[in-house]
Amino acid sequence: MDKPFNFMDRKQTIYRITVVLLLVVVLFAVQRHFSSPPTAAPGLTPSTAARETQPPTATVPSPSPTSTITLTPTVSPTPLPYPIGPDSYPAGVNPLTGLTVADPVSLDLPPALVSISNSPITARPQSGLSYSPLVFEMYIGEGVTRFLAMFYGDLPPDEMNGETVRVGPIRSGRVPYEDLRLFYRGFLVFASASSRVLPQLDEFSIIYGTDKASPNTARMSVADLKNMAMENRKTLGSPGFSGRVFDPAPPAAGKPAQALWVGYHQTEQVLWRYQSGSGAYQRIQDQEDGVTYLPSIDQLTGRPLEFENVVVLFADTVFYDETLFDINFQYITRYPALLFRDGVMQEIYWTTRNEEYEQRTGKLRGIRFVDYEFNPIPLKPGKTWVEIVPLFTPYDETVDNEIYKDYLNVRQPGSGVWGVFFLPPQILNTTPEWLLTPVPK
């Protein structure tokens, strides 16, 4: 005789089967989680996604010698409809980088152009340069260079690990700063200026150092930098950038460029090396000995400085004595330049000529990069570093051995290592006309 149907027995059997199935599903999910590679976020390659999901931690000295800073990189923004520019940019896009910013409101504030020291070596590593969308490096005499770094859009955080974040070290103002300030409708930040230079500058703030015995102790908090930008907006208004085109597509024409060497002085050599992993050029510099080359580091991140675009700008430079100089930037129709991006060097031009925009608005615009017919040359989305050298400075392919004399004297066609053979401008030992004429106030 068949056993009578028992509802409770059937219910227990179903319960056991359900438990077993749930265990199998859980075990399968755990195995898949630990055996599969991370999924790339939109706009990221798998290798980049791995870096984003497992970010390196940088522990570096901050302005306080007993504190550390830990940074986590942000995820790349949603891809933009490139190419973009030169006359307008999508909402929330920084017209100096072609990339979206975290806080679009920041784009309504005028940029700060900060004079950053590069010598003596105690100025290194500088703080905040990796956050600057545009840096100008210029020879200031006596064998050294200085940076004018623009801070606009995404700034460093106000604090890191409870420590106030400061940019610097900040050094003295120079006459060419004023033209660049006017181009970008910003304000200057420097530590001091000589009695000959100060009357030539406008819309500035002076930041004093904490130790008169050391030239590299002036630094400015990011919070103060933001407050200055908000105050200067009352006078300067909103910035009106235009003239740049950005396109991530590599150049269709150009010459291989794995490195760029700019020999400002035997103990002031700048070397840029292309990093295929990041698609940017890494800045390297000798340690004021002409021999030891080390990557330039941002003290805030502990990471090497990398810029997607490196430009060599050939400009009319005049030295009146060992330290007083000027650079002619205004109303330049067409002067030569070299653009390094994506491992390629392009021979291009830069211009600040008076065009329809200037005639319609009565305002100046920043430096634009064009071909011979004045068609815009696209930059790679990202940051730009500009090396300013005198007109007619020679350049050619050189060797790749980090030996000063070989860089300077040996030519090696096809090496992909480009040398810019800087010669200090002739010193006129005269007084410029603008010093003889008082500046109206």
Protein backbone atom coordinates (compact mmCIF):
# COMPACT_ATOMS: atom_id res chain seq x y z
CA MET A 1 0.00 0.00 0.00
CA ASP A 2 1.31 3.46 -0.88
CA LYS A 3 2.35 5.67 1.98
CA PRO A 4 -0.23 8.44 2.61
CA PHE A 5 0.73 11.96 1.38
CA ASN A 6 2.28 13.96 4.21
CA PHE A 7 2.23 17.77 3.64
CA MET A 8 4.84 18.39 6.35
CA ASP A 9 7.34 15.93 4.76
CA ARG A 10 6.98 17.68 1.41
CA LYS A 11 7.42 21.10 2.99
CA GLN A 12 10.65 20.01 4.72
CA THR A 13 12.00 18.55 1.46
CA ILE A 14 11.35 21.78 -0.45
CA TYR A 15 12.99 23.76 2.34
CA ARG A 16 16.17 21.60 2.18
CA ILE A 17 16.37 21.92 -1.62
CA THR A 18 15.95 25.72 -1.40
CA VAL A 19 18.79 26.03 1.15
CA VAL A 20 21.13 23.97 -1.04
CA LEU A 21 20.35 26.11 -4.13
CA LEU A 22 20.97 29.33 -2.20
CA LEU A 23 24.35 28.03 -1.01
CA VAL A 24 25.34 27.19 -4.61
CA VAL A 25 24.37 30.68 -5.84
CA VAL A 26 26.36 32.37 -3.05
CA LEU A 27 29.47 30.25 -3.69
CA PHE A 28 29.28 31.04 -7.45
CA ALA A 29 29.01 34.77 -6.82
CA VAL A 30 31.99 34.79 -4.43
CA GLN A 31 34.15 32.88 -6.89
CA ARG A 32 33.23 35.26 -9.74
CA HIS A 33 33.97 38.35 -7.63
CA PHE A 34 37.52 37.25 -6.84
CA SER A 35 38.39 35.80 -10.26
CA SER A 36 37.06 38.52 -12.63
CA PRO A 37 38.92 41.75 -13.52
CA PRO A 38 37.35 45.09 -12.54
CA THR A 39 34.82 46.53 -14.95
CA ALA A 40 35.90 49.71 -16.71
CA ALA A 41 33.89 52.81 -15.96
CA PRO A 42 32.59 54.81 -18.94
CA GLY A 43 35.47 56.47 -20.74
CA LEU A 44 38.17 54.35 -19.04
CA THR A 45 40.27 51.54 -20.48
CA PRO A 46 40.50 48.35 -18.37
CA SER A 47 44.01 49.26 -17.25
CA THR A 48 42.85 52.72 -16.20
CA ALA A 49 39.86 51.22 -14.42
CA ALA A 50 42.17 49.00 -12.44
CA ARG A 51 44.14 52.03 -11.34
CA GLU A 52 40.94 53.88 -10.42
CA THR A 53 39.50 51.00 -8.40
CA GLN A 54 42.79 50.34 -6.64
CA PRO A 55 44.22 53.87 -6.28
CA PRO A 56 47.77 54.26 -5.04
CA THR A 57 48.15 56.09 -1.75
CA ALA A 58 50.73 58.86 -1.58
CA THR A 59 52.17 59.83 1.78
CA VAL A 60 54.27 62.94 1.45
CA PRO A 61 55.45 65.81 3.62
CA SER A 62 53.05 68.73 3.87
CA PRO A 63 53.94 72.27 4.95
CA SER A 64 53.94 70.87 8.49
CA PRO A 65 56.90 68.45 8.78
CA THR A 66 55.03 66.07 11.08
CA SER A 67 51.87 65.54 8.99
CA THR A 68 51.06 63.37 5.98
CA ILE A 69 48.63 63.74 3.10
CA THR A 70 46.65 60.88 1.56
CA LEU A 71 45.05 61.38 -1.84
CA THR A 72 42.57 59.32 -3.83
CA PRO A 73 42.29 60.16 -7.54
CA THR A 74 38.87 61.05 -8.90
CA VAL A 75 37.15 59.07 -11.64
CA SER A 76 37.33 60.51 -15.15
CA PRO A 77 34.29 62.55 -16.23
CA THR A 78 31.75 61.56 -18.87
CA PRO A 79 33.30 61.73 -22.36
CA LEU A 80 32.74 65.02 -24.17
CA PRO A 81 31.76 65.52 -27.84
CA TYR A 82 35.25 66.37 -29.11
CA PRO A 83 36.61 68.39 -30.80
CA ILE A 84 35.48 71.40 -28.76
CA GLY A 85 36.29 75.11 -29.09
CA PRO A 86 37.58 77.58 -30.14
CA ASP A 87 34.62 79.95 -29.67
CA SER A 88 32.46 78.09 -27.15
CA TYR A 89 32.71 75.15 -24.79
CA PRO A 90 30.11 72.82 -23.26
CA ALA A 91 28.74 73.84 -19.88
CA GLY A 92 31.03 72.94 -17.02
CA VAL A 93 34.11 72.57 -19.25
CA ASN A 94 37.33 74.38 -18.37
CA PRO A 95 38.40 76.25 -21.56
CA LEU A 96 42.04 75.88 -20.48
CA THR A 97 41.89 72.07 -20.36
CA GLY A 98 38.90 70.99 -22.42
CA LEU A 99 37.76 68.85 -19.45
CA THR A 100 34.77 69.08 -17.14
CA VAL A 101 35.26 70.48 -13.66
CA ALA A 102 33.83 69.22 -10.38
CA ASP A 103 32.29 72.62 -9.55
CA PRO A 104 31.08 74.58 -12.61
CA VAL A 105 30.59 77.68 -10.43
CA SER A 106 34.39 77.93 -10.13
CA LEU A 107 34.60 78.77 -13.84
CA ASP A 108 32.84 82.09 -13.14
CA LEU A 109 35.74 83.33 -10.99
CA PRO A 110 38.82 85.08 -12.42
CA PRO A 111 42.01 82.99 -12.53
CA ALA A 112 44.89 83.51 -10.13
CA LEU A 113 48.33 83.75 -11.75
CA VAL A 114 50.82 82.81 -9.05
CA SER A 115 54.58 83.38 -9.22
CA ILE A 116 56.17 80.07 -8.15
CA SER A 117 59.85 79.70 -7.29
CA ASN A 118 62.15 77.16 -8.94
CA SER A 119 65.48 78.24 -7.45
CA PRO A 120 67.35 77.75 -5.22
CA ILE A 121 66.73 74.03 -4.92
CA THR A 122 65.11 74.53 -1.51
CA ALA A 123 62.03 75.67 -3.47
CA ARG A 124 61.49 72.08 -4.62
CA PRO A 125 59.20 70.24 -4.50
CA GLN A 126 56.68 72.96 -5.15
CA SER A 127 53.09 72.65 -3.92
CA GLY A 128 50.08 72.71 -6.21
CA LEU A 129 51.56 72.72 -9.72
CA SER A 130 49.74 69.51 -10.69
CA TYR A 131 46.45 71.37 -10.20
CA SER A 132 47.37 74.21 -12.54
CA PRO A 133 45.79 73.97 -16.01
CA LEU A 134 48.39 76.31 -17.51
CA VAL A 135 51.98 77.00 -16.40
CA PHE A 136 54.45 79.39 -18.01
CA GLU A 137 58.17 78.82 -17.38
CA MET A 138 60.50 81.70 -18.23
CA TYR A 139 64.14 82.57 -17.83
CA ILE A 140 64.56 85.38 -15.28
CA GLY A 141 68.34 85.84 -15.50
CA GLU A 142 71.36 84.58 -13.60
CA GLY A 143 70.86 81.04 -14.88
CA VAL A 144 67.44 80.29 -13.35
CA THR A 145 63.80 80.05 -14.37
CA ARG A 146 60.52 80.84 -12.64
CA PHE A 147 56.96 79.64 -13.07
CA LEU A 148 53.77 81.64 -13.49
CA ALA A 149 51.11 79.06 -12.62
CA MET A 150 47.45 79.71 -13.29
CA PHE A 151 44.88 78.40 -10.82
CA TYR A 152 41.42 78.25 -12.37
CA GLY A 153 38.61 75.72 -12.22
CA ASP A 154 39.36 72.73 -10.01
CA LEU A 155 41.69 73.87 -7.22
CA PRO A 156 43.41 71.76 -4.58
CA PRO A 157 41.22 71.00 -1.54
CA ASP A 158 41.30 73.48 1.32
CA GLU A 159 42.52 70.76 3.71
CA MET A 160 44.09 67.34 3.49
CA ASN A 161 44.15 65.07 6.54
CA GLY A 162 43.30 68.02 8.75
CA GLU A 163 46.17 70.14 7.39
CA THR A 164 45.70 73.48 5.62
CA VAL A 165 46.76 73.15 1.98
CA ARG A 166 49.05 75.90 0.69
CA VAL A 167 50.51 76.54 -2.76
CA GLY A 168 54.01 77.83 -3.35
CA PRO A 169 56.67 78.75 -2.62
CA ILE A 170 55.67 82.16 -3.94
CA ARG A 171 58.33 84.56 -5.23
CA SER A 172 58.64 88.02 -6.73
CA GLY A 173 56.71 89.53 -9.61
CA ARG A 174 58.20 90.14 -13.06
CA VAL A 175 57.26 92.61 -15.81
CA PRO A 176 56.01 90.00 -18.37
CA TYR A 177 53.40 88.82 -15.86
CA GLU A 178 51.21 91.82 -16.61
CA ASP A 179 50.57 90.94 -20.26
CA LEU A 180 49.68 87.37 -19.32
CA ARG A 181 47.36 88.62 -16.59
CA LEU A 182 45.57 90.87 -19.06
CA PHE A 183 45.18 88.06 -21.59
CA TYR A 184 43.38 85.83 -19.11
CA ARG A 185 41.60 88.58 -17.13
CA GLY A 186 43.04 87.38 -13.87
CA PHE A 187 44.93 88.67 -10.87
CA LEU A 188 48.56 88.21 -9.84
CA VAL A 189 49.92 86.71 -6.64
CA PHE A 190 53.59 87.23 -5.78
CA ALA A 191 55.81 87.67 -2.74
CA SER A 192 57.35 91.03 -3.62
CA ALA A 193 58.57 93.10 -6.56
CA SER A 194 61.38 95.56 -7.06
CA SER A 195 60.70 99.28 -7.23
CA ARG A 196 61.30 99.07 -10.98
CA VAL A 197 58.84 96.22 -11.55
CA LEU A 198 55.98 96.91 -9.16
CA PRO A 199 54.65 100.03 -10.98
CA GLN A 200 54.32 97.94 -14.16
CA LEU A 201 51.95 95.42 -12.53
CA ASP A 202 48.27 95.72 -11.69
CA GLU A 203 45.56 93.71 -9.90
CA PHE A 204 47.87 91.84 -7.55
CA SER A 205 48.17 90.51 -4.01
CA ILE A 206 51.46 90.22 -2.13
CA ILE A 207 52.11 87.21 0.09
CA TYR A 208 54.96 87.54 2.57
CA GLY A 209 57.24 84.75 3.73
CA THR A 210 57.54 83.51 7.29
CA ASP A 211 61.35 83.60 7.46
CA LYS A 212 63.34 86.57 6.16
CA ALA A 213 66.48 84.43 6.07
CA SER A 214 64.95 82.06 3.50
CA PRO A 215 63.62 83.17 0.08
CA ASN A 216 61.18 80.26 -0.25
CA THR A 217 58.83 80.46 2.73
CA ALA A 218 55.91 82.41 1.25
CA ARG A 219 52.93 80.15 0.66
CA MET A 220 49.23 80.83 0.25
CA SER A 221 46.31 78.75 1.49
CA VAL A 222 43.81 77.53 -1.06
CA ALA A 223 41.01 79.05 1.02
CA ASP A 224 42.65 82.48 0.73
CA LEU A 225 43.14 81.94 -2.99
CA LYS A 226 39.40 81.33 -3.42
CA ASN A 227 38.53 84.37 -1.35
CA MET A 228 40.83 86.53 -3.47
CA ALA A 229 39.19 85.24 -6.63
CA MET A 230 35.74 86.14 -5.30
CA GLU A 231 36.91 89.61 -4.28
CA ASN A 232 38.62 90.25 -7.62
CA ARG A 233 35.50 89.20 -9.51
CA LYS A 234 33.93 92.49 -8.38
CA THR A 235 36.58 94.36 -10.37
CA LEU A 236 37.56 91.93 -13.11
CA GLY A 237 34.20 90.33 -13.80
CA SER A 238 33.82 86.82 -15.17
CA PRO A 239 36.61 85.48 -17.37
CA GLY A 240 35.90 85.13 -21.08
CA PHE A 241 38.26 82.53 -22.46
CA SER A 242 38.16 81.55 -26.11
CA GLY A 243 40.50 80.58 -28.89
CA ARG A 244 41.57 77.04 -27.97
CA VAL A 245 40.52 73.78 -29.55
CA PHE A 246 40.78 70.42 -27.78
CA ASP A 247 40.72 67.01 -29.43
CA PRO A 248 41.91 63.70 -27.95
CA ALA A 249 42.67 62.31 -31.42
CA PRO A 250 46.48 62.19 -31.92
CA PRO A 251 47.91 64.54 -34.56
CA ALA A 252 47.72 63.26 -38.12
CA ALA A 253 51.15 64.72 -38.88
CA GLY A 254 54.27 65.47 -36.90
CA LYS A 255 57.61 64.02 -35.85
CA PRO A 256 58.25 61.39 -33.17
CA ALA A 257 59.02 63.06 -29.84
CA GLN A 258 59.74 60.81 -26.90
CA ALA A 259 61.56 63.56 -25.04
CA LEU A 260 62.25 67.29 -24.98
CA TRP A 261 65.35 68.85 -23.43
CA VAL A 262 65.51 72.60 -22.72
CA GLY A 263 68.94 73.68 -21.52
CA TYR A 264 68.35 77.03 -19.82
CA HIS A 265 71.70 76.66 -18.05
CA GLN A 266 74.07 73.83 -17.19
CA THR A 267 72.53 73.77 -13.71
CA GLU A 268 68.98 74.54 -14.90
CA GLN A 269 68.13 71.79 -17.37
CA VAL A 270 64.55 70.75 -18.01
CA LEU A 271 63.74 67.35 -19.51
CA TRP A 272 60.28 66.17 -20.55
CA ARG A 273 59.74 62.44 -21.20
CA TYR A 274 56.63 61.01 -22.78
CA GLN A 275 54.80 58.45 -20.64
CA SER A 276 52.80 56.12 -22.88
CA GLY A 277 50.77 54.83 -19.94
CA SER A 278 49.34 58.22 -19.03
CA GLY A 279 49.65 59.84 -22.47
CA ALA A 280 51.40 62.83 -20.91
CA TYR A 281 54.92 64.26 -20.61
CA GLN A 282 56.68 63.97 -17.26
CA ARG A 283 58.83 66.87 -16.10
CA ILE A 284 62.39 66.06 -15.00
CA GLN A 285 65.09 68.49 -13.89
CA ASP A 286 68.73 68.39 -12.86
CA GLN A 287 69.39 69.07 -9.21
CA GLU A 288 71.43 72.25 -9.76
CA ASP A 289 74.47 70.07 -10.45
CA GLY A 290 74.11 69.51 -14.20
CA VAL A 291 74.28 65.74 -13.66
CA THR A 292 71.54 64.34 -11.46
CA TYR A 293 68.11 64.30 -13.14
CA LEU A 294 65.05 63.64 -10.99
CA PRO A 295 61.30 63.91 -11.68
CA SER A 296 59.68 67.16 -10.56
CA ILE A 297 57.21 66.32 -7.78
CA ASP A 298 54.09 68.06 -6.52
CA GLN A 299 54.48 68.14 -2.75
CA LEU A 300 50.72 67.90 -2.32
CA THR A 301 50.43 64.55 -4.10
CA GLY A 302 53.91 63.09 -3.92
CA ARG A 303 53.62 62.28 -7.62
CA PRO A 304 55.65 63.42 -10.65
CA LEU A 305 54.37 66.40 -12.61
CA GLU A 306 52.79 65.27 -15.88
CA PHE A 307 51.27 67.55 -18.51
CA GLU A 308 49.38 66.44 -21.60
CA ASN A 309 50.72 69.35 -23.69
CA VAL A 310 54.17 70.90 -23.60
CA VAL A 311 54.67 73.99 -25.77
CA VAL A 312 57.93 75.73 -26.64
CA LEU A 313 57.04 79.38 -27.27
CA PHE A 314 59.55 81.47 -29.22
CA ALA A 315 59.08 85.08 -28.09
CA ASP A 316 60.75 88.46 -28.41
CA THR A 317 62.69 88.74 -25.12
CA VAL A 318 64.72 91.75 -24.01
CA PHE A 319 67.04 91.96 -20.98
CA TYR A 320 67.92 95.46 -19.83
CA ASP A 321 70.28 94.20 -17.14
CA GLU A 322 70.96 90.88 -15.39
CA THR A 323 67.46 90.60 -13.90
CA LEU A 324 65.23 93.26 -15.49
CA PHE A 325 63.58 91.92 -18.62
CA ASP A 326 60.42 92.01 -20.68
CA ILE A 327 58.75 89.69 -23.18
CA ASN A 328 56.61 91.00 -26.02
CA PHE A 329 53.31 89.06 -25.98
CA GLN A 330 50.76 91.58 -27.23
CA TYR A 331 49.34 91.73 -30.76
CA ILE A 332 51.67 89.12 -32.18
CA THR A 333 50.51 88.15 -35.67
CA ARG A 334 52.41 84.88 -35.91
CA TYR A 335 55.50 83.61 -34.10
CA PRO A 336 56.79 80.01 -34.15
CA ALA A 337 56.10 77.41 -31.49
CA LEU A 338 56.56 73.67 -30.95
CA LEU A 339 53.74 71.50 -29.61
CA PHE A 340 54.53 68.20 -27.91
CA ARG A 341 51.57 65.86 -27.35
CA ASP A 342 50.92 62.12 -27.71
CA GLY A 343 54.62 61.45 -28.33
CA VAL A 344 54.60 63.73 -31.39
CA MET A 345 56.19 67.13 -32.05
CA GLN A 346 54.41 69.64 -34.31
CA GLU A 347 55.95 72.83 -35.65
CA ILE A 348 53.16 75.38 -35.24
CA TYR A 349 52.60 79.08 -34.50
CA TRP A 350 51.22 81.16 -31.66
CA THR A 351 49.28 84.37 -32.02
CA THR A 352 47.64 87.15 -30.03
CA ARG A 353 46.64 89.19 -33.07
CA ASN A 354 43.66 91.51 -33.12
CA GLU A 355 40.79 89.50 -34.62
CA GLU A 356 37.01 89.77 -34.83
CA TYR A 357 36.64 88.84 -31.14
CA GLU A 358 38.93 91.64 -29.97
CA GLN A 359 37.27 94.18 -32.27
CA ARG A 360 33.78 93.18 -31.15
CA THR A 361 34.41 92.98 -27.39
CA GLY A 362 37.32 95.39 -26.91
CA LYS A 363 39.03 92.72 -24.78
CA LEU A 364 42.22 90.71 -25.11
CA ARG A 365 42.37 86.94 -25.38
CA GLY A 366 44.95 84.42 -24.29
CA ILE A 367 47.65 82.92 -26.48
CA ARG A 368 46.23 80.80 -29.33
CA PHE A 369 47.97 78.04 -31.26
CA VAL A 370 47.46 77.98 -35.03
CA ASP A 371 48.91 76.79 -38.32
CA TYR A 372 50.30 79.14 -40.96
CA GLU A 373 46.79 79.91 -42.23
CA PHE A 374 45.59 80.73 -38.68
CA ASN A 375 43.52 77.56 -38.38
CA PRO A 376 43.43 76.43 -34.72
CA ILE A 377 45.79 73.62 -33.76
CA PRO A 378 44.07 71.22 -31.33
CA LEU A 379 45.58 70.60 -27.92
CA LYS A 380 45.12 67.31 -26.11
CA PRO A 381 42.46 67.60 -23.39
CA GLY A 382 44.40 68.23 -20.21
CA LYS A 383 46.99 70.60 -18.82
CA THR A 384 49.53 72.68 -20.76
CA TRP A 385 53.07 73.71 -19.77
CA VAL A 386 54.70 76.50 -21.80
CA GLU A 387 58.49 76.88 -22.04
CA ILE A 388 59.27 80.44 -23.17
CA VAL A 389 62.52 80.93 -25.09
CA PRO A 390 63.87 83.82 -27.19
CA LEU A 391 63.10 84.12 -30.90
CA PHE A 392 65.50 82.25 -33.20
CA THR A 393 66.53 79.80 -30.47
CA PRO A 394 67.78 76.73 -32.39
CA TYR A 395 66.29 73.28 -31.92
CA ASP A 396 67.08 69.84 -33.31
CA GLU A 397 67.13 66.16 -32.44
CA THR A 398 69.87 65.22 -30.00
CA VAL A 399 71.05 62.19 -28.07
CA ASP A 400 69.31 60.48 -25.17
CA ASN A 401 71.92 60.03 -22.46
CA GLU A 402 71.33 62.87 -19.94
CA ILE A 403 74.85 64.23 -20.42
CA TYR A 404 74.83 68.00 -20.73
CA LYS A 405 77.70 68.32 -23.23
CA ASP A 406 76.21 65.64 -25.49
CA TYR A 407 72.75 67.19 -25.35
CA LEU A 408 74.31 70.50 -26.29
CA ASN A 409 76.76 69.45 -28.97
CA VAL A 410 75.63 66.18 -30.57
CA ARG A 411 72.91 65.95 -33.21
CA GLN A 412 71.16 62.63 -33.82
CA PRO A 413 68.45 62.76 -36.51
CA GLY A 414 65.63 60.33 -35.89
CA SER A 415 66.29 59.97 -32.16
CA GLY A 416 62.92 61.42 -31.18
CA VAL A 417 64.73 63.41 -28.46
CA TRP A 418 64.42 67.11 -29.19
CA GLY A 419 66.81 69.69 -27.82
CA VAL A 420 66.07 73.40 -27.49
CA PHE A 421 69.48 75.05 -27.25
CA PHE A 422 68.76 78.07 -25.11
CA LEU A 423 71.09 81.06 -25.29
CA PRO A 424 70.59 83.84 -22.72
CA PRO A 425 69.40 87.05 -24.39
CA GLN A 426 71.96 89.78 -24.85
CA ILE A 427 72.00 92.28 -21.98
CA LEU A 428 71.46 95.79 -23.33
CA ASN A 429 72.57 97.71 -20.21
CA THR A 430 70.02 100.40 -20.96
CA THR A 431 66.99 101.80 -19.19
CA PRO A 432 63.68 100.86 -20.85
CA GLU A 433 61.44 103.67 -21.97
CA TRP A 434 58.62 102.48 -19.75
CA LEU A 435 60.82 103.07 -16.71
CA LEU A 436 61.41 106.65 -17.74
CA THR A 437 57.68 107.33 -18.09
CA PRO A 438 55.68 107.23 -14.83
CA VAL A 439 52.78 104.79 -14.85
CA PRO A 440 49.47 106.65 -14.44
CA LYS A 441 47.46 105.62 -11.41
